[in-house]
């Protein structure tokens, strides 16, 4: 059984704890550091036990593997603990942020729909106004053309009436003799001078 402290097992806490220096005990049993060497050990020379080279190589390889495995376990436990801590701290914040973003998105979509509706109404009104103006211009142009045509007809009728009136004084074969006699009986003198106002100021006498 692993004892749980604050949601974490003791083993996990120990594995995640930073490695500290080796602690040396101040007292070894009943003998102090300052006590002299025992008399029975005064002439003894400590010789280290013999070391087997093959065994030493194997031990070093196994120790290296052990260190790698323990380091990987420590990192994995640490990553798991940090991930859980991050999820606990940011889970509610992420949900709140997602909710706010969703509400903001909905508000923006509503605003966009309202703007599109207003632009559509304005576009419809503008198109209707343009159509009314175009129709009004077409009617005005038709009325103007009709008035111009009527004015042209009146001018032509006036010219025809004037020509008909002038035609009464035309010289034809039927009234040629009569017009000659009238010209001889009523001679006209076109030899005269006029002033700036157009009045005759001087006229010569016909001979």
N, C-alpha and C. Protein backbone atom coordinates (compact mmCIF):
# COMPACT_ATOMS: atom_id res chain seq x y z
N UNK A 1 0.86 -1.20 0.00
CA UNK A 1 0.00 0.00 0.00
C UNK A 1 0.89 1.24 0.00
N UNK A 2 0.51 2.22 -0.83
CA UNK A 2 1.22 3.51 -0.86
C UNK A 2 0.41 4.53 -0.09
N UNK A 3 1.07 5.24 0.78
CA UNK A 3 0.40 6.29 1.52
C UNK A 3 0.20 7.49 0.60
N UNK A 4 -1.00 8.08 0.60
CA UNK A 4 -1.34 9.20 -0.28
C UNK A 4 -1.28 10.49 0.52
N UNK A 5 -0.55 11.44 0.01
CA UNK A 5 -0.41 12.76 0.67
C UNK A 5 -0.77 13.82 -0.37
N UNK A 6 -1.87 14.54 -0.13
CA UNK A 6 -2.24 15.62 -1.04
C UNK A 6 -2.53 15.13 -2.43
N UNK A 7 -3.14 13.93 -2.59
CA UNK A 7 -3.46 13.41 -3.91
C UNK A 7 -2.30 12.73 -4.59
N UNK A 8 -1.16 12.60 -3.94
CA UNK A 8 0.02 11.96 -4.53
C UNK A 8 0.54 10.89 -3.57
N UNK A 9 1.05 9.83 -4.14
CA UNK A 9 1.62 8.77 -3.31
C UNK A 9 2.98 9.20 -2.80
N UNK A 10 3.38 8.58 -1.71
CA UNK A 10 4.69 8.90 -1.13
C UNK A 10 5.79 8.54 -2.08
N UNK A 11 5.62 7.43 -2.80
CA UNK A 11 6.66 7.01 -3.75
C UNK A 11 6.80 8.04 -4.87
N UNK A 12 5.67 8.54 -5.35
CA UNK A 12 5.74 9.54 -6.42
C UNK A 12 6.39 10.81 -5.91
N UNK A 13 6.07 11.20 -4.66
CA UNK A 13 6.68 12.39 -4.09
C UNK A 13 8.18 12.21 -3.97
N UNK A 14 8.60 11.04 -3.54
CA UNK A 14 10.05 10.80 -3.41
C UNK A 14 10.74 10.80 -4.77
N UNK A 15 10.07 10.23 -5.76
CA UNK A 15 10.68 10.19 -7.09
C UNK A 15 10.76 11.58 -7.70
N UNK A 16 9.76 12.41 -7.42
CA UNK A 16 9.75 13.77 -7.98
C UNK A 16 10.62 14.73 -7.21
N UNK A 17 11.00 14.39 -6.00
CA UNK A 17 11.81 15.29 -5.19
C UNK A 17 13.21 15.39 -5.78
N UNK A 18 13.81 16.60 -5.78
CA UNK A 18 15.17 16.75 -6.31
C UNK A 18 16.18 15.95 -5.48
N UNK A 19 17.18 15.44 -6.17
CA UNK A 19 18.20 14.64 -5.49
C UNK A 19 19.16 15.56 -4.74
N UNK A 20 19.35 15.26 -3.50
CA UNK A 20 20.22 16.10 -2.66
C UNK A 20 21.55 15.38 -2.40
N UNK A 21 22.45 16.09 -1.81
CA UNK A 21 23.78 15.51 -1.50
C UNK A 21 23.64 14.44 -0.42
N UNK A 22 24.64 13.56 -0.36
CA UNK A 22 24.63 12.47 0.62
C UNK A 22 24.89 13.04 2.01
N UNK A 23 24.01 12.69 2.94
CA UNK A 23 24.17 13.19 4.31
C UNK A 23 25.08 12.24 5.11
N UNK A 24 26.01 12.80 5.81
CA UNK A 24 26.95 12.02 6.63
C UNK A 24 26.54 12.15 8.09
N UNK A 25 26.35 11.03 8.74
CA UNK A 25 25.95 11.08 10.13
C UNK A 25 27.10 11.60 11.00
N UNK A 26 26.75 12.41 11.95
CA UNK A 26 27.78 12.99 12.83
C UNK A 26 28.34 11.95 13.80
N UNK A 27 27.57 10.94 14.14
CA UNK A 27 28.01 9.95 15.13
C UNK A 27 27.83 8.56 14.56
N UNK A 28 28.81 7.70 14.68
CA UNK A 28 28.73 6.32 14.24
C UNK A 28 28.64 5.42 15.49
N UNK A 29 27.49 5.06 15.81
CA UNK A 29 27.31 4.19 16.98
C UNK A 29 27.77 4.87 18.27
N UNK A 30 28.61 4.13 19.06
CA UNK A 30 29.06 4.66 20.34
C UNK A 30 30.38 5.39 20.26
N UNK A 31 31.07 5.33 19.14
CA UNK A 31 32.40 5.92 19.01
C UNK A 31 32.33 7.26 18.33
N UNK A 32 33.06 8.23 18.88
CA UNK A 32 33.10 9.57 18.30
C UNK A 32 34.19 9.63 17.24
N UNK A 33 34.11 10.65 16.42
CA UNK A 33 35.10 10.82 15.37
C UNK A 33 36.49 11.15 15.95
N UNK A 34 36.49 11.77 17.05
CA UNK A 34 37.77 12.18 17.64
C UNK A 34 38.42 11.09 18.52
N UNK A 35 37.76 9.97 18.69
CA UNK A 35 38.35 8.89 19.50
C UNK A 35 39.53 8.25 18.75
N UNK A 36 40.57 7.85 19.50
CA UNK A 36 41.73 7.21 18.83
C UNK A 36 41.39 5.83 18.31
N UNK A 37 42.27 5.31 17.48
CA UNK A 37 42.07 3.97 16.93
C UNK A 37 42.22 2.93 18.04
N UNK A 38 41.43 1.93 17.94
CA UNK A 38 41.51 0.88 18.95
C UNK A 38 42.88 0.20 18.90
N UNK A 39 43.34 -0.28 20.05
CA UNK A 39 44.67 -0.90 20.12
C UNK A 39 44.74 -2.16 19.28
N UNK A 40 43.62 -2.84 19.16
CA UNK A 40 43.62 -4.07 18.37
C UNK A 40 43.72 -3.81 16.87
N UNK A 41 43.53 -2.57 16.48
CA UNK A 41 43.55 -2.24 15.06
C UNK A 41 44.67 -1.27 14.69
N UNK A 42 45.61 -1.07 15.61
CA UNK A 42 46.66 -0.09 15.34
C UNK A 42 47.56 -0.54 14.20
N UNK A 43 47.93 -1.77 14.09
CA UNK A 43 48.84 -2.22 13.06
C UNK A 43 48.15 -2.82 11.85
N UNK A 44 46.84 -2.78 11.84
CA UNK A 44 46.13 -3.41 10.73
C UNK A 44 46.13 -2.50 9.51
N UNK A 45 46.38 -3.05 8.37
CA UNK A 45 46.34 -2.31 7.11
C UNK A 45 45.14 -2.80 6.31
N UNK A 46 44.27 -1.88 6.01
CA UNK A 46 43.05 -2.25 5.28
C UNK A 46 43.38 -2.45 3.81
N UNK A 47 43.09 -3.59 3.33
CA UNK A 47 43.31 -3.91 1.92
C UNK A 47 41.93 -4.09 1.27
N UNK A 48 41.67 -3.37 0.23
CA UNK A 48 40.35 -3.52 -0.42
C UNK A 48 40.21 -4.90 -1.02
N UNK A 49 39.01 -5.39 -1.00
CA UNK A 49 38.79 -6.72 -1.57
C UNK A 49 39.10 -6.72 -3.06
N UNK A 50 39.47 -7.82 -3.59
CA UNK A 50 39.78 -7.86 -5.03
C UNK A 50 38.52 -7.62 -5.87
N UNK A 51 38.71 -6.96 -6.97
CA UNK A 51 37.60 -6.61 -7.88
C UNK A 51 37.74 -7.40 -9.14
N UNK A 52 36.63 -8.06 -9.53
CA UNK A 52 36.61 -8.79 -10.78
C UNK A 52 36.30 -7.80 -11.92
N UNK A 53 37.17 -7.64 -12.90
CA UNK A 53 36.91 -6.66 -13.99
C UNK A 53 35.63 -6.96 -14.74
N UNK A 54 35.37 -8.22 -15.02
CA UNK A 54 34.13 -8.55 -15.77
C UNK A 54 32.92 -8.17 -14.96
N UNK A 55 32.97 -8.50 -13.68
CA UNK A 55 31.83 -8.16 -12.82
C UNK A 55 31.66 -6.65 -12.71
N UNK A 56 32.78 -5.90 -12.66
CA UNK A 56 32.71 -4.45 -12.57
C UNK A 56 32.05 -3.85 -13.83
N UNK A 57 32.41 -4.40 -15.01
CA UNK A 57 31.80 -3.90 -16.25
C UNK A 57 30.30 -4.16 -16.26
N UNK A 58 29.94 -5.38 -15.82
CA UNK A 58 28.51 -5.71 -15.78
C UNK A 58 27.77 -4.82 -14.80
N UNK A 59 28.37 -4.59 -13.64
CA UNK A 59 27.72 -3.72 -12.64
C UNK A 59 27.56 -2.28 -13.16
N UNK A 60 28.60 -1.79 -13.87
CA UNK A 60 28.50 -0.44 -14.40
C UNK A 60 27.38 -0.34 -15.45
N UNK A 61 27.29 -1.35 -16.32
CA UNK A 61 26.24 -1.32 -17.34
C UNK A 61 24.85 -1.37 -16.70
N UNK A 62 24.74 -2.25 -15.68
CA UNK A 62 23.43 -2.35 -15.03
C UNK A 62 23.09 -1.07 -14.27
N UNK A 63 24.12 -0.47 -13.66
CA UNK A 63 23.85 0.78 -12.94
C UNK A 63 23.46 1.90 -13.90
N UNK A 64 24.10 1.92 -15.05
CA UNK A 64 23.73 2.93 -16.05
C UNK A 64 22.29 2.73 -16.52
N UNK A 65 21.92 1.46 -16.77
CA UNK A 65 20.54 1.17 -17.15
C UNK A 65 19.57 1.56 -16.05
N UNK A 66 19.96 1.25 -14.81
CA UNK A 66 19.11 1.62 -13.67
C UNK A 66 18.91 3.13 -13.60
N UNK A 67 20.00 3.89 -13.77
CA UNK A 67 19.90 5.35 -13.75
C UNK A 67 18.99 5.86 -14.86
N UNK A 68 19.14 5.31 -16.06
CA UNK A 68 18.29 5.73 -17.18
C UNK A 68 16.82 5.43 -16.90
N UNK A 69 16.54 4.22 -16.40
CA UNK A 69 15.16 3.84 -16.10
C UNK A 69 14.56 4.75 -15.04
N UNK A 70 15.34 4.98 -13.95
CA UNK A 70 14.83 5.83 -12.87
C UNK A 70 14.62 7.26 -13.35
N UNK A 71 15.53 7.77 -14.20
CA UNK A 71 15.36 9.13 -14.71
C UNK A 71 14.11 9.22 -15.58
N UNK A 72 13.89 8.20 -16.42
CA UNK A 72 12.69 8.19 -17.26
C UNK A 72 11.42 8.12 -16.42
N UNK A 73 11.45 7.29 -15.35
CA UNK A 73 10.28 7.20 -14.47
C UNK A 73 10.01 8.52 -13.76
N UNK A 74 11.10 9.14 -13.27
CA UNK A 74 10.92 10.45 -12.60
C UNK A 74 10.29 11.47 -13.55
N UNK A 75 10.81 11.54 -14.80
CA UNK A 75 10.27 12.49 -15.77
C UNK A 75 8.81 12.19 -16.11
N UNK A 76 8.49 10.89 -16.24
CA UNK A 76 7.11 10.52 -16.57
C UNK A 76 6.16 10.89 -15.44
N UNK A 77 6.57 10.55 -14.18
CA UNK A 77 5.74 10.92 -13.04
C UNK A 77 5.58 12.43 -12.92
N UNK A 78 6.68 13.13 -13.14
CA UNK A 78 6.63 14.60 -13.04
C UNK A 78 5.72 15.18 -14.11
N UNK A 79 5.84 14.65 -15.33
CA UNK A 79 4.98 15.14 -16.41
C UNK A 79 3.51 14.88 -16.11
N UNK A 80 3.22 13.68 -15.58
CA UNK A 80 1.83 13.35 -15.25
C UNK A 80 1.29 14.26 -14.16
N UNK A 81 2.09 14.50 -13.13
CA UNK A 81 1.63 15.37 -12.04
C UNK A 81 1.41 16.79 -12.54
N UNK A 82 2.36 17.29 -13.33
CA UNK A 82 2.22 18.65 -13.86
C UNK A 82 1.01 18.76 -14.78
N UNK A 83 0.77 17.71 -15.59
CA UNK A 83 -0.37 17.74 -16.50
C UNK A 83 -1.68 17.77 -15.72
N UNK A 84 -1.76 16.93 -14.67
CA UNK A 84 -2.98 16.92 -13.86
C UNK A 84 -3.18 18.27 -13.17
N UNK A 85 -2.08 18.83 -12.68
CA UNK A 85 -2.18 20.13 -12.03
C UNK A 85 -2.64 21.20 -13.02
N UNK A 86 -2.09 21.15 -14.22
CA UNK A 86 -2.48 22.14 -15.25
C UNK A 86 -3.94 21.98 -15.64
N UNK A 87 -4.37 20.70 -15.77
CA UNK A 87 -5.76 20.47 -16.12
C UNK A 87 -6.69 20.93 -15.01
N UNK A 88 -6.30 20.72 -13.74
CA UNK A 88 -7.14 21.16 -12.64
C UNK A 88 -7.23 22.68 -12.59
N UNK A 89 -6.10 23.36 -12.88
CA UNK A 89 -6.09 24.81 -12.78
C UNK A 89 -6.73 25.48 -13.99
N UNK A 90 -6.48 24.91 -15.17
CA UNK A 90 -6.95 25.58 -16.41
C UNK A 90 -8.20 24.96 -16.97
N UNK A 91 -8.70 23.86 -16.41
CA UNK A 91 -9.89 23.24 -16.97
C UNK A 91 -11.09 24.16 -16.91
N UNK A 92 -11.37 24.71 -15.73
CA UNK A 92 -12.50 25.61 -15.60
C UNK A 92 -12.28 26.89 -16.40
N UNK A 93 -11.04 27.38 -16.41
CA UNK A 93 -10.77 28.57 -17.20
C UNK A 93 -10.97 28.33 -18.69
N UNK A 94 -10.54 27.15 -19.15
CA UNK A 94 -10.74 26.83 -20.57
C UNK A 94 -12.22 26.75 -20.91
N UNK A 95 -13.02 26.13 -20.01
CA UNK A 95 -14.46 26.06 -20.25
C UNK A 95 -15.08 27.46 -20.28
N UNK A 96 -14.66 28.31 -19.33
CA UNK A 96 -15.18 29.67 -19.30
C UNK A 96 -14.78 30.44 -20.55
N UNK A 97 -13.51 30.28 -20.96
CA UNK A 97 -13.04 30.96 -22.17
C UNK A 97 -13.79 30.46 -23.41
N UNK A 98 -14.02 29.15 -23.48
CA UNK A 98 -14.77 28.60 -24.61
C UNK A 98 -16.21 29.12 -24.62
N UNK A 99 -16.81 29.22 -23.42
CA UNK A 99 -18.17 29.74 -23.34
C UNK A 99 -18.23 31.20 -23.77
N UNK A 100 -17.25 32.00 -23.31
CA UNK A 100 -17.20 33.41 -23.70
C UNK A 100 -16.99 33.57 -25.21
N UNK A 101 -16.09 32.74 -25.76
CA UNK A 101 -15.85 32.81 -27.21
C UNK A 101 -17.12 32.42 -27.98
N UNK A 102 -17.84 31.41 -27.49
CA UNK A 102 -19.07 31.01 -28.16
C UNK A 102 -20.11 32.12 -28.10
N UNK A 103 -20.26 32.76 -26.92
CA UNK A 103 -21.21 33.87 -26.80
C UNK A 103 -20.79 35.05 -27.68
N UNK A 104 -19.49 35.32 -27.70
CA UNK A 104 -19.01 36.42 -28.55
C UNK A 104 -19.26 36.11 -30.02
N UNK A 105 -19.03 34.84 -30.41
CA UNK A 105 -19.28 34.45 -31.80
C UNK A 105 -20.76 34.60 -32.15
N UNK A 106 -21.64 34.18 -31.22
CA UNK A 106 -23.07 34.31 -31.46
C UNK A 106 -23.47 35.77 -31.58
N UNK A 107 -22.92 36.62 -30.70
CA UNK A 107 -23.24 38.05 -30.77
C UNK A 107 -22.75 38.66 -32.08
N UNK A 108 -21.56 38.28 -32.51
CA UNK A 108 -21.04 38.80 -33.78
C UNK A 108 -21.89 38.33 -34.96
N UNK A 109 -22.34 37.08 -34.91
CA UNK A 109 -23.19 36.59 -35.99
C UNK A 109 -24.52 37.33 -36.03
N UNK A 110 -25.11 37.60 -34.85
CA UNK A 110 -26.35 38.37 -34.79
C UNK A 110 -26.14 39.77 -35.35
N UNK A 111 -25.03 40.39 -34.94
CA UNK A 111 -24.74 41.74 -35.47
C UNK A 111 -24.53 41.71 -36.98
N UNK A 112 -23.87 40.66 -37.46
CA UNK A 112 -23.64 40.53 -38.90
C UNK A 112 -24.97 40.36 -39.64
N UNK A 113 -25.87 39.55 -39.08
CA UNK A 113 -27.18 39.37 -39.71
C UNK A 113 -27.96 40.68 -39.75
N UNK A 114 -27.91 41.44 -38.66
CA UNK A 114 -28.61 42.73 -38.65
C UNK A 114 -28.02 43.69 -39.68
N UNK A 115 -26.69 43.72 -39.76
CA UNK A 115 -26.06 44.60 -40.76
C UNK A 115 -26.43 44.17 -42.17
N UNK A 116 -26.44 42.86 -42.42
CA UNK A 116 -26.82 42.38 -43.75
C UNK A 116 -28.27 42.74 -44.08
N UNK A 117 -29.17 42.63 -43.07
CA UNK A 117 -30.57 42.98 -43.29
C UNK A 117 -30.72 44.47 -43.59
N UNK A 118 -30.02 45.31 -42.84
CA UNK A 118 -30.09 46.75 -43.09
C UNK A 118 -29.54 47.10 -44.47
N UNK A 119 -28.41 46.47 -44.84
CA UNK A 119 -27.86 46.72 -46.17
C UNK A 119 -28.81 46.25 -47.27
N UNK A 120 -29.51 45.11 -47.04
CA UNK A 120 -30.47 44.62 -48.02
C UNK A 120 -31.64 45.60 -48.18
N UNK A 121 -32.15 46.10 -47.05
CA UNK A 121 -33.24 47.08 -47.12
C UNK A 121 -32.79 48.35 -47.85
N UNK A 122 -31.58 48.83 -47.50
CA UNK A 122 -31.07 50.03 -48.16
C UNK A 122 -30.88 49.79 -49.66
N UNK A 123 -30.39 48.58 -50.02
CA UNK A 123 -30.20 48.26 -51.43
C UNK A 123 -31.54 48.21 -52.16
N UNK A 124 -32.57 47.63 -51.54
CA UNK A 124 -33.89 47.56 -52.17
C UNK A 124 -34.45 48.96 -52.37
N UNK A 125 -34.33 49.82 -51.34
CA UNK A 125 -34.82 51.19 -51.46
C UNK A 125 -34.08 51.94 -52.56
N UNK A 126 -32.75 51.73 -52.63
CA UNK A 126 -31.98 52.41 -53.66
C UNK A 126 -32.38 51.96 -55.07
N UNK A 127 -32.59 50.63 -55.22
CA UNK A 127 -33.00 50.11 -56.52
C UNK A 127 -34.38 50.65 -56.91
N UNK A 128 -35.32 50.67 -55.94
CA UNK A 128 -36.64 51.22 -56.22
C UNK A 128 -36.57 52.69 -56.61
N UNK A 129 -35.74 53.44 -55.90
CA UNK A 129 -35.58 54.86 -56.21
C UNK A 129 -34.98 55.05 -57.59
N UNK A 130 -33.96 54.23 -57.91
CA UNK A 130 -33.36 54.33 -59.24
C UNK A 130 -34.36 53.98 -60.34
N UNK A 131 -35.18 52.93 -60.08
CA UNK A 131 -36.19 52.57 -61.07
C UNK A 131 -37.21 53.68 -61.23
N UNK A 132 -37.65 54.30 -60.11
CA UNK A 132 -38.60 55.40 -60.20
C UNK A 132 -37.99 56.59 -60.95
N UNK A 133 -36.72 56.89 -60.63
CA UNK A 133 -36.08 58.00 -61.34
C UNK A 133 -35.94 57.71 -62.83
N UNK A 134 -35.56 56.45 -63.16
CA UNK A 134 -35.43 56.09 -64.56
C UNK A 134 -36.78 56.16 -65.27
N UNK A 135 -37.84 55.67 -64.60
CA UNK A 135 -39.18 55.75 -65.19
C UNK A 135 -39.62 57.19 -65.36
N UNK A 136 -39.33 58.03 -64.34
CA UNK A 136 -39.70 59.45 -64.43
C UNK A 136 -38.95 60.13 -65.58
N UNK A 137 -37.67 59.80 -65.71
CA UNK A 137 -36.90 60.39 -66.82
C UNK A 137 -37.44 59.93 -68.17
N UNK A 138 -37.85 58.64 -68.23
CA UNK A 138 -38.41 58.14 -69.49
C UNK A 138 -39.70 58.87 -69.85
N UNK A 139 -40.56 59.08 -68.83
CA UNK A 139 -41.81 59.79 -69.07
C UNK A 139 -41.54 61.24 -69.47
N UNK A 140 -40.61 61.89 -68.75
CA UNK A 140 -40.27 63.28 -69.09
C UNK A 140 -39.71 63.38 -70.50
N UNK A 141 -38.84 62.38 -70.86
CA UNK A 141 -38.29 62.40 -72.21
C UNK A 141 -39.39 62.21 -73.25
N UNK A 142 -40.34 61.32 -72.96
CA UNK A 142 -41.45 61.11 -73.90
C UNK A 142 -42.30 62.36 -74.03
N UNK A 143 -42.58 63.01 -72.89
CA UNK A 143 -43.36 64.25 -72.92
C UNK A 143 -42.64 65.33 -73.70
N UNK A 144 -41.33 65.43 -73.46
CA UNK A 144 -40.54 66.45 -74.17
C UNK A 144 -40.54 66.17 -75.68
N UNK A 145 -40.39 64.90 -76.06
CA UNK A 145 -40.42 64.57 -77.48
C UNK A 145 -41.78 64.89 -78.09
N UNK A 146 -42.85 64.62 -77.33
CA UNK A 146 -44.19 64.95 -77.82
C UNK A 146 -44.37 66.45 -77.98
N UNK A 147 -43.87 67.20 -76.99
CA UNK A 147 -43.98 68.66 -77.09
C UNK A 147 -43.16 69.19 -78.27
N UNK A 148 -41.96 68.64 -78.44
CA UNK A 148 -41.15 69.07 -79.58
C UNK A 148 -41.83 68.73 -80.91
N UNK A 149 -42.45 67.53 -80.95
CA UNK A 149 -43.16 67.16 -82.17
C UNK A 149 -44.34 68.09 -82.44
N UNK A 150 -45.10 68.42 -81.38
CA UNK A 150 -46.23 69.33 -81.54
C UNK A 150 -45.74 70.72 -81.97
N UNK A 151 -44.63 71.17 -81.37
CA UNK A 151 -44.09 72.47 -81.76
C UNK A 151 -43.62 72.44 -83.21
N UNK A 152 -43.00 71.32 -83.62
CA UNK A 152 -42.57 71.19 -85.02
C UNK A 152 -43.76 71.22 -85.96
N UNK A 153 -44.84 70.53 -85.58
CA UNK A 153 -46.06 70.52 -86.41
C UNK A 153 -46.65 71.92 -86.51
N UNK A 154 -46.71 72.65 -85.38
CA UNK A 154 -47.24 74.01 -85.40
C UNK A 154 -46.41 74.92 -86.29
N UNK A 155 -45.06 74.76 -86.19
CA UNK A 155 -44.20 75.57 -87.05
C UNK A 155 -44.46 75.26 -88.53
N UNK A 156 -44.57 73.99 -88.83
CA UNK A 156 -44.83 73.62 -90.22
C UNK A 156 -46.20 74.11 -90.70
N UNK A 157 -47.21 74.02 -89.83
CA UNK A 157 -48.53 74.54 -90.19
C UNK A 157 -48.48 76.03 -90.41
N UNK A 158 -47.71 76.72 -89.54
CA UNK A 158 -47.58 78.16 -89.70
C UNK A 158 -46.89 78.49 -91.02
N UNK A 159 -45.83 77.74 -91.34
CA UNK A 159 -45.13 77.97 -92.60
C UNK A 159 -46.04 77.69 -93.79
N UNK A 160 -46.86 76.63 -93.67
CA UNK A 160 -47.79 76.31 -94.77
C UNK A 160 -48.81 77.42 -94.95
N UNK A 161 -49.36 77.92 -93.83
CA UNK A 161 -50.33 79.02 -93.93
C UNK A 161 -49.69 80.28 -94.52
N UNK A 162 -48.42 80.52 -94.09
CA UNK A 162 -47.73 81.69 -94.63
C UNK A 162 -47.48 81.53 -96.13
N UNK A 163 -47.08 80.31 -96.51
CA UNK A 163 -46.87 80.05 -97.94
C UNK A 163 -48.19 80.16 -98.72
N UNK A 164 -49.26 79.66 -98.10
CA UNK A 164 -50.56 79.79 -98.77
C UNK A 164 -50.96 81.25 -98.93
N UNK A 165 -50.68 82.05 -97.89
CA UNK A 165 -51.00 83.48 -97.98
C UNK A 165 -50.13 84.16 -99.01
N UNK A 166 -48.82 83.79 -99.02
CA UNK A 166 -47.93 84.39 -100.01
C UNK A 166 -48.25 83.90 -101.42
N UNK A 167 -48.79 82.69 -101.51
CA UNK A 167 -49.10 82.15 -102.84
C UNK A 167 -50.19 82.94 -103.55
N UNK A 168 -50.97 83.68 -102.76
CA UNK A 168 -52.01 84.50 -103.38
C UNK A 168 -51.41 85.61 -104.25
N UNK A 169 -50.18 86.03 -103.89
CA UNK A 169 -49.53 87.12 -104.64
C UNK A 169 -48.52 86.60 -105.65
N UNK A 170 -48.46 85.31 -105.83
CA UNK A 170 -47.53 84.78 -106.82
C UNK A 170 -47.97 85.18 -108.22
N UNK A 171 -46.98 85.34 -109.09
CA UNK A 171 -47.26 85.65 -110.51
C UNK A 171 -47.38 84.35 -111.27
N UNK A 172 -48.55 84.18 -111.86
CA UNK A 172 -48.78 82.97 -112.65
C UNK A 172 -49.13 83.36 -114.08
N UNK A 173 -49.27 82.39 -114.90
CA UNK A 173 -49.64 82.65 -116.30
C UNK A 173 -51.03 83.28 -116.42
N UNK A 174 -51.89 82.97 -115.45
CA UNK A 174 -53.24 83.50 -115.51
C UNK A 174 -53.29 84.98 -115.19
N UNK A 175 -52.45 85.41 -114.17
CA UNK A 175 -52.51 86.82 -113.78
C UNK A 175 -51.28 87.62 -114.23
N UNK A 176 -50.56 87.10 -115.18
CA UNK A 176 -49.33 87.81 -115.62
C UNK A 176 -49.66 89.18 -116.21
N UNK A 177 -50.64 89.25 -117.11
CA UNK A 177 -50.98 90.55 -117.73
C UNK A 177 -51.50 91.53 -116.70
N UNK A 178 -52.30 91.05 -115.81
CA UNK A 178 -52.85 91.93 -114.77
C UNK A 178 -51.76 92.49 -113.87
N UNK A 179 -50.79 91.64 -113.50
CA UNK A 179 -49.72 92.11 -112.61
C UNK A 179 -48.80 93.08 -113.34
N UNK A 180 -48.65 92.90 -114.62
CA UNK A 180 -47.82 93.86 -115.39
C UNK A 180 -48.50 95.21 -115.43
N UNK A 181 -49.79 95.24 -115.65
CA UNK A 181 -50.53 96.52 -115.69
C UNK A 181 -50.49 97.20 -114.32
N UNK A 182 -50.64 96.40 -113.25
CA UNK A 182 -50.59 96.99 -111.91
C UNK A 182 -49.20 97.57 -111.62
N UNK A 183 -48.15 96.89 -112.05
CA UNK A 183 -46.80 97.41 -111.83
C UNK A 183 -46.57 98.68 -112.61
N UNK A 184 -47.11 98.78 -113.80
CA UNK A 184 -46.94 100.00 -114.58
C UNK A 184 -47.76 101.14 -113.99
N UNK A 185 -48.95 100.83 -113.47
CA UNK A 185 -49.80 101.87 -112.90
C UNK A 185 -49.28 102.34 -111.54
N UNK A 186 -48.61 101.49 -110.81
CA UNK A 186 -48.12 101.85 -109.47
C UNK A 186 -46.61 101.60 -109.39
N UNK A 187 -45.85 102.47 -109.97
CA UNK A 187 -44.38 102.28 -109.91
C UNK A 187 -43.87 102.49 -108.47
N UNK A 188 -42.82 101.76 -108.07
CA UNK A 188 -42.21 101.88 -106.74
C UNK A 188 -40.76 102.30 -106.89
N UNK A 189 -40.37 103.23 -106.03
CA UNK A 189 -39.00 103.76 -106.05
C UNK A 189 -38.23 103.14 -104.89
N UNK A 190 -37.26 102.33 -105.22
CA UNK A 190 -36.43 101.68 -104.22
C UNK A 190 -35.09 102.41 -104.02
N UNK A 191 -34.96 103.57 -104.63
CA UNK A 191 -33.72 104.35 -104.51
C UNK A 191 -33.90 105.36 -103.39
N UNK A 192 -33.60 104.98 -102.18
CA UNK A 192 -33.75 105.88 -101.03
C UNK A 192 -32.69 105.52 -100.00
N UNK A 193 -32.53 106.43 -99.04
CA UNK A 193 -31.57 106.24 -97.95
C UNK A 193 -32.32 106.24 -96.62
N UNK A 194 -31.78 105.47 -95.66
CA UNK A 194 -32.41 105.39 -94.34
C UNK A 194 -31.37 105.71 -93.28
N UNK A 195 -31.85 106.11 -92.09
CA UNK A 195 -30.95 106.41 -90.97
C UNK A 195 -30.80 105.16 -90.11
N UNK A 196 -30.18 105.34 -88.92
CA UNK A 196 -29.93 104.21 -88.02
C UNK A 196 -31.22 103.61 -87.48
N UNK A 197 -32.25 104.43 -87.38
CA UNK A 197 -33.52 103.93 -86.86
C UNK A 197 -34.34 103.25 -87.95
N UNK A 198 -33.88 103.29 -89.20
CA UNK A 198 -34.62 102.63 -90.29
C UNK A 198 -35.61 103.54 -90.99
N UNK A 199 -35.62 104.82 -90.67
CA UNK A 199 -36.55 105.77 -91.33
C UNK A 199 -35.93 106.28 -92.64
N UNK A 200 -36.80 106.50 -93.63
CA UNK A 200 -36.33 107.01 -94.93
C UNK A 200 -36.01 108.50 -94.77
N UNK A 201 -34.79 108.86 -95.11
CA UNK A 201 -34.35 110.26 -94.97
C UNK A 201 -34.16 110.95 -96.30
N UNK A 202 -34.04 110.14 -97.35
CA UNK A 202 -33.80 110.75 -98.66
C UNK A 202 -34.28 109.79 -99.75
N UNK A 203 -34.99 110.30 -100.72
CA UNK A 203 -35.51 109.47 -101.80
C UNK A 203 -35.36 110.25 -103.09
N UNK A 204 -34.88 109.56 -104.08
CA UNK A 204 -34.74 110.24 -105.40
C UNK A 204 -36.06 110.17 -106.17
N UNK A 205 -36.23 111.11 -107.07
CA UNK A 205 -37.48 111.19 -107.86
C UNK A 205 -37.32 110.32 -109.08
N UNK A 206 -38.40 109.50 -109.31
CA UNK A 206 -38.37 108.69 -110.51
C UNK A 206 -38.45 109.53 -111.76
N UNK A 207 -37.74 109.15 -112.74
CA UNK A 207 -37.77 109.89 -114.03
C UNK A 207 -38.51 109.08 -115.07
